[in-house]
Amino acid sequence: MKISADFTVIPDAFAKAAAPEYRAGGVPVISFPFYIDDVSPEARYLHWEFTDPDSIPVCGFEWIHWSVANLPIEALMFDFNDSHALAIPPDFSRQMPAMIPEAVQGRNSSASKFVGRENDPAVIMRYNGPQPPDKDHDYYLHVWATKKPLPGLNQGFWLNEMHHALRGLDEVPDQTGIFLTGEA
């Protein structure tokens, strides 16, 4: 499997410099587009996490920006004649619940009781764009493809629950990741 994007630095519309209309609760909520290519032909579901390992020195933990589980590959629009067979479009995080209700999104770090943000699902259970407070950060997008859906995950799952479900599968997931930069 291969993941790519048309950028290496996350564009302003999806990050710290997002316009007010692209925010909820002061947080950028329009997710960025990316491509998933060369997925195992046996795979039927996609799952991913988008995290900020560079946040550890700032807040003491790796910030979770977005997690998705049980996205049926067949639900995505794709064209095998296209150079990028599977495309995750911009703003997918907000559109996904209506488009593909069987797929679920997990809580991000804005849901933490230590952060103190309001309990708005549009903010805590969707994409939260990068807003590094100290310097440019490298963000990690990790995607898994599996034959079966991950059991026991509902809207608002915690990331560790997805990791446990992946470990509990009787298959070795196809997986890969890329780093993207978020500007301070």
N, C-alpha and C. Protein backbone atom coordinates (compact mmCIF):
# COMPACT_ATOMS: atom_id res chain seq x y z
N MET A 1 0.86 -1.18 0.00
CA MET A 1 0.00 0.00 0.00
C MET A 1 0.90 1.23 0.00
N LYS A 2 0.36 2.29 -0.59
CA LYS A 2 1.09 3.55 -0.65
C LYS A 2 0.11 4.69 -0.37
N ILE A 3 0.52 5.66 0.44
CA ILE A 3 -0.29 6.85 0.71
C ILE A 3 0.46 8.04 0.13
N SER A 4 -0.30 8.97 -0.45
CA SER A 4 0.33 10.19 -0.95
C SER A 4 -0.66 11.34 -0.86
N ALA A 5 -0.13 12.52 -1.02
CA ALA A 5 -0.94 13.74 -1.06
C ALA A 5 -0.29 14.66 -2.09
N ASP A 6 -1.02 15.66 -2.51
CA ASP A 6 -0.50 16.62 -3.48
C ASP A 6 0.37 17.68 -2.82
N PHE A 7 0.77 17.46 -1.58
CA PHE A 7 1.55 18.43 -0.81
C PHE A 7 2.36 17.68 0.24
N THR A 8 3.38 18.33 0.76
CA THR A 8 4.12 17.80 1.91
C THR A 8 3.89 18.69 3.12
N VAL A 9 3.54 19.96 2.88
CA VAL A 9 3.15 20.89 3.94
C VAL A 9 1.64 21.03 3.85
N ILE A 10 0.95 20.77 4.95
CA ILE A 10 -0.52 20.80 4.96
C ILE A 10 -0.99 22.22 4.64
N PRO A 11 -1.80 22.37 3.59
CA PRO A 11 -2.26 23.70 3.19
C PRO A 11 -3.07 24.40 4.28
N ASP A 12 -3.03 25.74 4.25
CA ASP A 12 -3.70 26.57 5.26
C ASP A 12 -5.16 26.21 5.48
N ALA A 13 -5.90 25.88 4.44
CA ALA A 13 -7.34 25.60 4.56
C ALA A 13 -7.62 24.43 5.51
N PHE A 14 -6.63 23.56 5.73
CA PHE A 14 -6.81 22.37 6.55
C PHE A 14 -6.05 22.45 7.88
N ALA A 15 -5.50 23.62 8.20
CA ALA A 15 -4.59 23.73 9.34
C ALA A 15 -4.77 25.04 10.09
N LYS A 16 -3.74 25.43 10.78
CA LYS A 16 -3.74 26.57 11.71
C LYS A 16 -4.26 27.87 11.10
N ALA A 17 -3.99 28.11 9.82
CA ALA A 17 -4.40 29.36 9.19
C ALA A 17 -5.75 29.25 8.46
N ALA A 18 -6.53 28.22 8.79
CA ALA A 18 -7.84 28.03 8.14
C ALA A 18 -8.75 29.23 8.39
N ALA A 19 -9.53 29.57 7.39
CA ALA A 19 -10.48 30.67 7.49
C ALA A 19 -11.55 30.35 8.53
N PRO A 20 -12.19 31.37 9.11
CA PRO A 20 -13.22 31.13 10.14
C PRO A 20 -14.33 30.18 9.69
N GLU A 21 -14.71 30.22 8.44
CA GLU A 21 -15.78 29.33 7.96
C GLU A 21 -15.33 27.87 7.86
N TYR A 22 -14.03 27.61 8.01
CA TYR A 22 -13.50 26.25 7.99
C TYR A 22 -13.15 25.77 9.40
N ARG A 23 -13.77 26.41 10.42
CA ARG A 23 -13.50 26.08 11.81
C ARG A 23 -14.79 25.77 12.56
N ALA A 24 -14.65 25.04 13.64
CA ALA A 24 -15.74 24.82 14.61
C ALA A 24 -15.09 24.90 15.98
N GLY A 25 -15.66 25.70 16.86
CA GLY A 25 -15.07 25.87 18.19
C GLY A 25 -13.64 26.38 18.13
N GLY A 26 -13.29 27.14 17.10
CA GLY A 26 -11.95 27.68 16.94
C GLY A 26 -10.95 26.71 16.34
N VAL A 27 -11.40 25.49 16.00
CA VAL A 27 -10.51 24.43 15.51
C VAL A 27 -10.74 24.22 14.01
N PRO A 28 -9.68 24.08 13.21
CA PRO A 28 -9.85 23.75 11.79
C PRO A 28 -10.50 22.36 11.66
N VAL A 29 -11.59 22.27 10.91
CA VAL A 29 -12.32 21.01 10.82
C VAL A 29 -12.50 20.48 9.39
N ILE A 30 -11.89 21.12 8.42
CA ILE A 30 -11.97 20.64 7.04
C ILE A 30 -10.77 19.72 6.81
N SER A 31 -11.03 18.43 6.64
CA SER A 31 -9.95 17.46 6.47
C SER A 31 -9.31 17.57 5.08
N PHE A 32 -8.04 17.23 5.02
CA PHE A 32 -7.27 17.34 3.78
C PHE A 32 -7.47 16.10 2.91
N PRO A 33 -7.28 16.25 1.59
CA PRO A 33 -7.39 15.11 0.70
C PRO A 33 -6.09 14.30 0.67
N PHE A 34 -6.23 13.00 0.41
CA PHE A 34 -5.05 12.15 0.20
C PHE A 34 -5.45 10.94 -0.63
N TYR A 35 -4.44 10.20 -1.08
CA TYR A 35 -4.65 9.06 -1.96
C TYR A 35 -4.12 7.79 -1.31
N ILE A 36 -4.79 6.70 -1.60
CA ILE A 36 -4.36 5.38 -1.14
C ILE A 36 -4.25 4.51 -2.38
N ASP A 37 -3.06 4.04 -2.65
CA ASP A 37 -2.81 3.24 -3.85
C ASP A 37 -2.19 1.90 -3.48
N ASP A 38 -2.27 0.98 -4.43
CA ASP A 38 -1.65 -0.35 -4.30
C ASP A 38 -2.11 -1.08 -3.04
N VAL A 39 -3.41 -1.01 -2.77
CA VAL A 39 -3.98 -1.73 -1.62
C VAL A 39 -4.07 -3.21 -1.97
N SER A 40 -3.84 -4.04 -0.99
CA SER A 40 -3.96 -5.48 -1.19
C SER A 40 -5.32 -5.79 -1.82
N PRO A 41 -5.37 -6.62 -2.86
CA PRO A 41 -6.65 -6.93 -3.50
C PRO A 41 -7.64 -7.65 -2.58
N GLU A 42 -7.15 -8.23 -1.50
CA GLU A 42 -8.03 -8.92 -0.54
C GLU A 42 -8.68 -7.95 0.45
N ALA A 43 -8.15 -6.75 0.56
CA ALA A 43 -8.64 -5.78 1.55
C ALA A 43 -10.03 -5.27 1.17
N ARG A 44 -10.86 -5.09 2.19
CA ARG A 44 -12.22 -4.59 1.99
C ARG A 44 -12.53 -3.34 2.83
N TYR A 45 -11.68 -3.06 3.86
CA TYR A 45 -11.93 -1.95 4.78
C TYR A 45 -10.66 -1.14 5.00
N LEU A 46 -10.84 0.16 5.17
CA LEU A 46 -9.74 1.05 5.50
C LEU A 46 -9.94 1.63 6.90
N HIS A 47 -8.83 1.90 7.55
CA HIS A 47 -8.81 2.48 8.90
C HIS A 47 -7.60 3.40 8.94
N TRP A 48 -7.69 4.54 9.64
CA TRP A 48 -6.51 5.39 9.74
C TRP A 48 -6.50 6.22 11.00
N GLU A 49 -5.29 6.70 11.28
CA GLU A 49 -5.07 7.66 12.35
C GLU A 49 -4.17 8.75 11.82
N PHE A 50 -4.42 9.97 12.29
CA PHE A 50 -3.59 11.12 11.95
C PHE A 50 -3.20 11.76 13.27
N THR A 51 -1.91 11.70 13.59
CA THR A 51 -1.44 12.12 14.91
C THR A 51 -0.23 13.06 14.80
N ASP A 52 0.09 13.68 15.92
CA ASP A 52 1.21 14.62 16.01
C ASP A 52 2.21 14.15 17.06
N PRO A 53 3.21 13.36 16.66
CA PRO A 53 4.23 12.93 17.63
C PRO A 53 5.03 14.11 18.19
N ASP A 54 5.16 15.20 17.42
CA ASP A 54 5.92 16.36 17.90
C ASP A 54 5.19 17.13 19.01
N SER A 55 3.95 16.76 19.30
CA SER A 55 3.24 17.42 20.40
C SER A 55 3.68 16.89 21.77
N ILE A 56 4.40 15.79 21.79
CA ILE A 56 4.77 15.19 23.08
C ILE A 56 5.54 16.16 23.98
N PRO A 57 6.57 16.87 23.50
CA PRO A 57 7.24 17.82 24.39
C PRO A 57 6.38 19.01 24.78
N VAL A 58 5.35 19.31 23.96
CA VAL A 58 4.50 20.48 24.21
C VAL A 58 3.42 20.17 25.25
N CYS A 59 2.71 19.05 25.07
CA CYS A 59 1.57 18.77 25.97
C CYS A 59 1.71 17.46 26.74
N GLY A 60 2.77 16.70 26.49
CA GLY A 60 3.00 15.48 27.26
C GLY A 60 2.44 14.22 26.64
N PHE A 61 1.80 14.32 25.47
CA PHE A 61 1.27 13.14 24.80
C PHE A 61 1.18 13.41 23.30
N GLU A 62 1.06 12.34 22.55
CA GLU A 62 0.89 12.45 21.10
C GLU A 62 -0.55 12.87 20.82
N TRP A 63 -0.72 14.00 20.17
CA TRP A 63 -2.06 14.55 19.89
C TRP A 63 -2.72 13.76 18.78
N ILE A 64 -3.94 13.31 19.03
CA ILE A 64 -4.74 12.60 18.03
C ILE A 64 -5.56 13.64 17.29
N HIS A 65 -5.39 13.73 15.98
CA HIS A 65 -6.12 14.70 15.17
C HIS A 65 -7.31 14.08 14.45
N TRP A 66 -7.24 12.77 14.14
CA TRP A 66 -8.32 12.15 13.38
C TRP A 66 -8.13 10.65 13.38
N SER A 67 -9.20 9.92 13.56
CA SER A 67 -9.16 8.47 13.40
C SER A 67 -10.46 8.00 12.75
N VAL A 68 -10.31 7.03 11.87
CA VAL A 68 -11.43 6.48 11.11
C VAL A 68 -11.29 4.97 11.11
N ALA A 69 -12.41 4.27 11.23
CA ALA A 69 -12.40 2.81 11.18
C ALA A 69 -13.57 2.31 10.35
N ASN A 70 -13.37 1.14 9.78
CA ASN A 70 -14.41 0.38 9.08
C ASN A 70 -15.00 1.11 7.88
N LEU A 71 -14.14 1.78 7.13
CA LEU A 71 -14.57 2.44 5.90
C LEU A 71 -14.52 1.40 4.78
N PRO A 72 -15.69 1.00 4.25
CA PRO A 72 -15.68 0.02 3.15
C PRO A 72 -15.02 0.61 1.91
N ILE A 73 -14.04 -0.08 1.39
CA ILE A 73 -13.35 0.40 0.19
C ILE A 73 -14.34 0.58 -0.95
N GLU A 74 -15.29 -0.31 -1.07
CA GLU A 74 -16.26 -0.23 -2.18
C GLU A 74 -17.17 0.99 -2.09
N ALA A 75 -17.22 1.63 -0.92
CA ALA A 75 -18.05 2.84 -0.78
C ALA A 75 -17.37 4.08 -1.35
N LEU A 76 -16.07 3.98 -1.60
CA LEU A 76 -15.34 5.12 -2.16
C LEU A 76 -15.47 5.12 -3.68
N MET A 77 -15.54 6.30 -4.22
CA MET A 77 -15.55 6.43 -5.67
C MET A 77 -14.13 6.21 -6.17
N PHE A 78 -13.95 5.30 -7.08
CA PHE A 78 -12.63 5.09 -7.63
C PHE A 78 -12.70 4.64 -9.07
N ASP A 79 -11.64 4.92 -9.77
CA ASP A 79 -11.53 4.61 -11.19
C ASP A 79 -10.19 3.92 -11.40
N PHE A 80 -10.22 2.66 -11.80
CA PHE A 80 -8.97 1.93 -11.96
C PHE A 80 -8.12 2.46 -13.10
N ASN A 81 -8.69 3.31 -13.96
CA ASN A 81 -7.91 3.94 -15.02
C ASN A 81 -7.19 5.19 -14.52
N ASP A 82 -7.53 5.62 -13.30
CA ASP A 82 -6.90 6.81 -12.71
C ASP A 82 -5.59 6.39 -12.05
N SER A 83 -4.64 7.31 -12.01
CA SER A 83 -3.36 7.00 -11.38
C SER A 83 -3.50 6.82 -9.86
N HIS A 84 -4.55 7.40 -9.27
CA HIS A 84 -4.82 7.23 -7.84
C HIS A 84 -6.18 6.55 -7.71
N ALA A 85 -6.17 5.25 -7.53
CA ALA A 85 -7.42 4.49 -7.52
C ALA A 85 -8.37 4.93 -6.40
N LEU A 86 -7.86 5.12 -5.19
CA LEU A 86 -8.70 5.52 -4.06
C LEU A 86 -8.33 6.92 -3.61
N ALA A 87 -9.28 7.83 -3.65
CA ALA A 87 -9.02 9.21 -3.25
C ALA A 87 -9.92 9.56 -2.08
N ILE A 88 -9.34 10.08 -1.02
CA ILE A 88 -10.10 10.61 0.11
C ILE A 88 -10.23 12.10 -0.18
N PRO A 89 -11.45 12.59 -0.42
CA PRO A 89 -11.61 13.99 -0.85
C PRO A 89 -11.46 14.98 0.30
N PRO A 90 -11.29 16.27 -0.03
CA PRO A 90 -11.27 17.29 1.02
C PRO A 90 -12.59 17.29 1.76
N ASP A 91 -12.55 17.61 3.03
CA ASP A 91 -13.73 17.71 3.90
C ASP A 91 -14.43 16.37 4.11
N PHE A 92 -13.72 15.28 3.90
CA PHE A 92 -14.30 13.94 4.06
C PHE A 92 -14.79 13.69 5.48
N SER A 93 -14.07 14.20 6.46
CA SER A 93 -14.44 13.97 7.86
C SER A 93 -15.87 14.44 8.16
N ARG A 94 -16.23 15.62 7.66
CA ARG A 94 -17.58 16.13 7.93
C ARG A 94 -18.63 15.47 7.04
N GLN A 95 -18.25 15.05 5.84
CA GLN A 95 -19.20 14.46 4.89
C GLN A 95 -19.43 12.96 5.12
N MET A 96 -18.46 12.28 5.68
CA MET A 96 -18.51 10.83 5.81
C MET A 96 -19.74 10.30 6.55
N PRO A 97 -20.17 10.90 7.67
CA PRO A 97 -21.33 10.33 8.38
C PRO A 97 -22.59 10.21 7.50
N ALA A 98 -22.82 11.17 6.63
CA ALA A 98 -23.99 11.11 5.75
C ALA A 98 -23.74 10.21 4.55
N MET A 99 -22.52 10.22 4.04
CA MET A 99 -22.18 9.44 2.85
C MET A 99 -22.00 7.95 3.13
N ILE A 100 -21.34 7.64 4.23
CA ILE A 100 -20.97 6.25 4.54
C ILE A 100 -21.21 6.01 6.03
N PRO A 101 -22.48 5.87 6.45
CA PRO A 101 -22.78 5.79 7.88
C PRO A 101 -22.21 4.57 8.60
N GLU A 102 -21.85 3.53 7.87
CA GLU A 102 -21.28 2.34 8.53
C GLU A 102 -19.83 2.56 8.97
N ALA A 103 -19.17 3.55 8.41
CA ALA A 103 -17.81 3.90 8.86
C ALA A 103 -17.93 4.78 10.10
N VAL A 104 -16.94 4.67 10.97
CA VAL A 104 -16.99 5.43 12.23
C VAL A 104 -15.73 6.26 12.41
N GLN A 105 -15.88 7.37 13.13
CA GLN A 105 -14.74 8.23 13.47
C GLN A 105 -14.58 8.21 14.99
N GLY A 106 -13.32 8.23 15.39
CA GLY A 106 -13.02 8.20 16.81
C GLY A 106 -12.87 9.59 17.40
N ARG A 107 -12.74 9.60 18.72
CA ARG A 107 -12.48 10.86 19.42
C ARG A 107 -11.05 11.29 19.13
N ASN A 108 -10.87 12.58 19.06
CA ASN A 108 -9.52 13.13 18.94
C ASN A 108 -9.12 13.69 20.31
N SER A 109 -7.96 14.28 20.38
CA SER A 109 -7.47 14.78 21.68
C SER A 109 -8.26 15.96 22.21
N SER A 110 -9.05 16.62 21.38
CA SER A 110 -9.91 17.69 21.88
C SER A 110 -10.96 17.15 22.84
N ALA A 111 -11.21 15.84 22.81
CA ALA A 111 -12.17 15.22 23.72
C ALA A 111 -11.60 14.98 25.11
N SER A 112 -10.31 15.20 25.28
CA SER A 112 -9.67 14.95 26.58
C SER A 112 -10.22 15.88 27.65
N LYS A 113 -10.43 15.34 28.82
CA LYS A 113 -10.87 16.17 29.95
C LYS A 113 -9.79 17.17 30.35
N PHE A 114 -8.57 16.95 29.91
CA PHE A 114 -7.47 17.86 30.24
C PHE A 114 -7.41 19.06 29.30
N VAL A 115 -8.10 18.98 28.16
CA VAL A 115 -8.06 20.06 27.18
C VAL A 115 -9.12 21.11 27.47
N GLY A 116 -10.29 20.69 27.93
CA GLY A 116 -11.32 21.63 28.32
C GLY A 116 -12.14 22.22 27.19
N ARG A 117 -12.17 21.54 26.04
CA ARG A 117 -13.01 22.03 24.94
C ARG A 117 -14.43 21.55 25.16
N GLU A 118 -15.36 22.23 24.50
CA GLU A 118 -16.76 21.82 24.63
C GLU A 118 -16.94 20.43 24.05
N ASN A 119 -18.04 19.79 24.42
CA ASN A 119 -18.31 18.41 24.05
C ASN A 119 -19.07 18.33 22.72
N ASP A 120 -18.68 19.11 21.73
CA ASP A 120 -19.34 19.16 20.44
C ASP A 120 -18.78 18.07 19.54
N PRO A 121 -19.61 17.10 19.09
CA PRO A 121 -19.11 16.04 18.22
C PRO A 121 -18.43 16.56 16.96
N ALA A 122 -18.84 17.72 16.46
CA ALA A 122 -18.20 18.30 15.27
C ALA A 122 -16.74 18.65 15.54
N VAL A 123 -16.39 18.80 16.80
CA VAL A 123 -15.01 19.13 17.18
C VAL A 123 -14.29 17.90 17.73
N ILE A 124 -14.92 17.13 18.59
CA ILE A 124 -14.21 16.04 19.29
C ILE A 124 -14.26 14.69 18.58
N MET A 125 -15.13 14.52 17.58
CA MET A 125 -15.21 13.23 16.89
C MET A 125 -15.08 13.40 15.38
N ARG A 126 -14.26 14.32 14.97
CA ARG A 126 -14.00 14.57 13.56
C ARG A 126 -12.54 15.00 13.44
N TYR A 127 -12.17 15.38 12.26
CA TYR A 127 -10.82 15.89 12.00
C TYR A 127 -10.60 17.19 12.75
N ASN A 128 -9.46 17.31 13.40
CA ASN A 128 -8.95 18.56 13.98
C ASN A 128 -7.64 18.87 13.27
N GLY A 129 -7.61 19.98 12.57
CA GLY A 129 -6.42 20.35 11.82
C GLY A 129 -5.25 20.75 12.70
N PRO A 130 -4.04 20.63 12.15
CA PRO A 130 -2.83 21.00 12.88
C PRO A 130 -2.82 22.46 13.30
N GLN A 131 -2.39 22.70 14.53
CA GLN A 131 -2.21 24.05 15.07
C GLN A 131 -0.99 24.06 15.98
N PRO A 132 0.18 23.73 15.45
CA PRO A 132 1.35 23.64 16.34
C PRO A 132 1.65 25.00 16.99
N PRO A 133 1.81 25.02 18.31
CA PRO A 133 1.99 26.29 19.02
C PRO A 133 3.43 26.78 19.10
N ASP A 134 4.39 25.89 18.81
CA ASP A 134 5.78 26.25 19.10
C ASP A 134 6.69 26.31 17.87
N LYS A 135 6.50 25.41 16.94
CA LYS A 135 7.34 25.31 15.74
C LYS A 135 6.62 24.39 14.76
N ASP A 136 7.14 24.25 13.55
CA ASP A 136 6.56 23.30 12.60
C ASP A 136 6.60 21.91 13.22
N HIS A 137 5.53 21.15 13.00
CA HIS A 137 5.45 19.77 13.50
C HIS A 137 5.32 18.82 12.32
N ASP A 138 5.83 17.61 12.49
CA ASP A 138 5.64 16.54 11.52
C ASP A 138 4.50 15.66 12.02
N TYR A 139 3.46 15.56 11.21
CA TYR A 139 2.26 14.79 11.53
C TYR A 139 2.32 13.46 10.80
N TYR A 140 1.77 12.40 11.43
CA TYR A 140 1.85 11.06 10.86
C TYR A 140 0.46 10.56 10.50
N LEU A 141 0.28 10.21 9.23
CA LEU A 141 -0.94 9.58 8.74
C LEU A 141 -0.63 8.11 8.52
N HIS A 142 -1.27 7.25 9.29
CA HIS A 142 -1.06 5.80 9.24
C HIS A 142 -2.37 5.17 8.78
N VAL A 143 -2.31 4.37 7.71
CA VAL A 143 -3.49 3.73 7.14
C VAL A 143 -3.31 2.22 7.17
N TRP A 144 -4.38 1.52 7.55
CA TRP A 144 -4.43 0.07 7.52
C TRP A 144 -5.54 -0.36 6.56
N ALA A 145 -5.38 -1.48 5.90
CA ALA A 145 -6.42 -2.08 5.06
C ALA A 145 -6.60 -3.52 5.53
N THR A 146 -7.86 -3.91 5.76
CA THR A 146 -8.14 -5.24 6.28
C THR A 146 -9.23 -5.93 5.47
N LYS A 147 -9.30 -7.24 5.59
CA LYS A 147 -10.34 -8.03 4.93
C LYS A 147 -11.68 -7.88 5.65
N LYS A 148 -11.62 -7.73 6.95
CA LYS A 148 -12.84 -7.68 7.78
C LYS A 148 -12.93 -6.34 8.50
N PRO A 149 -14.14 -5.93 8.88
CA PRO A 149 -14.26 -4.72 9.70
C PRO A 149 -13.71 -4.99 11.10
N LEU A 150 -13.33 -3.93 11.78
CA LEU A 150 -12.84 -4.07 13.15
C LEU A 150 -14.04 -4.17 14.08
N PRO A 151 -14.09 -5.20 14.90
CA PRO A 151 -15.25 -5.40 15.78
C PRO A 151 -15.28 -4.44 16.96
N GLY A 152 -16.49 -4.10 17.39
CA GLY A 152 -16.69 -3.37 18.64
C GLY A 152 -16.43 -1.88 18.60
N LEU A 153 -16.23 -1.29 17.43
CA LEU A 153 -15.96 0.14 17.37
C LEU A 153 -17.24 0.88 16.96
N ASN A 154 -17.57 1.90 17.73
CA ASN A 154 -18.73 2.74 17.47
C ASN A 154 -18.27 4.18 17.30
N GLN A 155 -19.17 5.05 16.82
CA GLN A 155 -18.83 6.46 16.71
C GLN A 155 -18.26 6.94 18.04
N GLY A 156 -17.16 7.66 17.96
CA GLY A 156 -16.54 8.19 19.17
C GLY A 156 -15.63 7.22 19.88
N PHE A 157 -15.17 6.16 19.19
CA PHE A 157 -14.24 5.22 19.83
C PHE A 157 -12.95 5.96 20.20
N TRP A 158 -12.20 5.38 21.11
CA TRP A 158 -10.88 5.91 21.46
C TRP A 158 -9.85 5.19 20.61
N LEU A 159 -8.76 5.86 20.27
CA LEU A 159 -7.75 5.31 19.37
C LEU A 159 -7.18 3.99 19.88
N ASN A 160 -6.99 3.85 21.17
CA ASN A 160 -6.45 2.60 21.69
C ASN A 160 -7.40 1.43 21.40
N GLU A 161 -8.71 1.70 21.35
CA GLU A 161 -9.67 0.64 21.02
C GLU A 161 -9.45 0.15 19.58
N MET A 162 -9.14 1.07 18.67
CA MET A 162 -8.86 0.67 17.30
C MET A 162 -7.58 -0.15 17.24
N HIS A 163 -6.57 0.27 17.98
CA HIS A 163 -5.31 -0.48 18.00
C HIS A 163 -5.53 -1.90 18.53
N HIS A 164 -6.32 -2.04 19.60
CA HIS A 164 -6.61 -3.37 20.14
C HIS A 164 -7.36 -4.22 19.13
N ALA A 165 -8.32 -3.62 18.42
CA ALA A 165 -9.09 -4.36 17.41
C ALA A 165 -8.18 -4.81 16.27
N LEU A 166 -7.25 -3.97 15.86
CA LEU A 166 -6.31 -4.35 14.81
C LEU A 166 -5.42 -5.51 15.27
N ARG A 167 -4.96 -5.44 16.51
CA ARG A 167 -4.11 -6.53 17.04
C ARG A 167 -4.88 -7.83 17.18
N GLY A 168 -6.19 -7.73 17.40
CA GLY A 168 -7.00 -8.92 17.62
C GLY A 168 -7.47 -9.62 16.34
N LEU A 169 -7.17 -9.06 15.20
CA LEU A 169 -7.58 -9.67 13.93
C LEU A 169 -6.81 -10.96 13.67
N ASP A 170 -7.43 -11.85 12.92
CA ASP A 170 -6.74 -13.08 12.54
C ASP A 170 -6.11 -12.91 11.15
N GLU A 171 -5.63 -11.71 10.88
CA GLU A 171 -4.95 -11.40 9.62
C GLU A 171 -3.88 -10.34 9.89
N VAL A 172 -2.97 -10.23 8.98
CA VAL A 172 -1.96 -9.18 9.06
C VAL A 172 -2.42 -8.07 8.13
N PRO A 173 -2.79 -6.90 8.69
CA PRO A 173 -3.27 -5.81 7.84
C PRO A 173 -2.20 -5.29 6.89
N ASP A 174 -2.65 -4.87 5.72
CA ASP A 174 -1.81 -4.11 4.80
C ASP A 174 -1.73 -2.72 5.44
N GLN A 175 -0.54 -2.13 5.53
CA GLN A 175 -0.44 -0.83 6.20
C GLN A 175 0.76 -0.04 5.74
N THR A 176 0.65 1.26 5.90
CA THR A 176 1.76 2.17 5.62
C THR A 176 1.43 3.53 6.21
N GLY A 177 2.38 4.45 6.13
CA GLY A 177 2.16 5.79 6.67
C GLY A 177 3.03 6.81 5.96
N ILE A 178 2.66 8.07 6.14
CA ILE A 178 3.47 9.17 5.62
C ILE A 178 3.49 10.30 6.66
N PHE A 179 4.54 11.10 6.60
CA PHE A 179 4.63 12.30 7.42
C PHE A 179 4.29 13.50 6.57
N LEU A 180 3.52 14.42 7.14
CA LEU A 180 3.18 15.70 6.52
C LEU A 180 3.52 16.79 7.52
N THR A 181 3.94 17.92 7.05
CA THR A 181 4.34 19.01 7.94
C THR A 181 3.19 19.99 8.15
N GLY A 182 3.00 20.39 9.41
CA GLY A 182 2.07 21.46 9.77
C GLY A 182 2.88 22.66 10.22
N GLU A 183 2.60 23.81 9.65
CA GLU A 183 3.39 24.99 9.96
C GLU A 183 2.89 25.70 11.22
N ALA A 184 3.85 26.23 11.97
CA ALA A 184 3.53 26.96 13.20
C ALA A 184 2.94 28.32 12.86
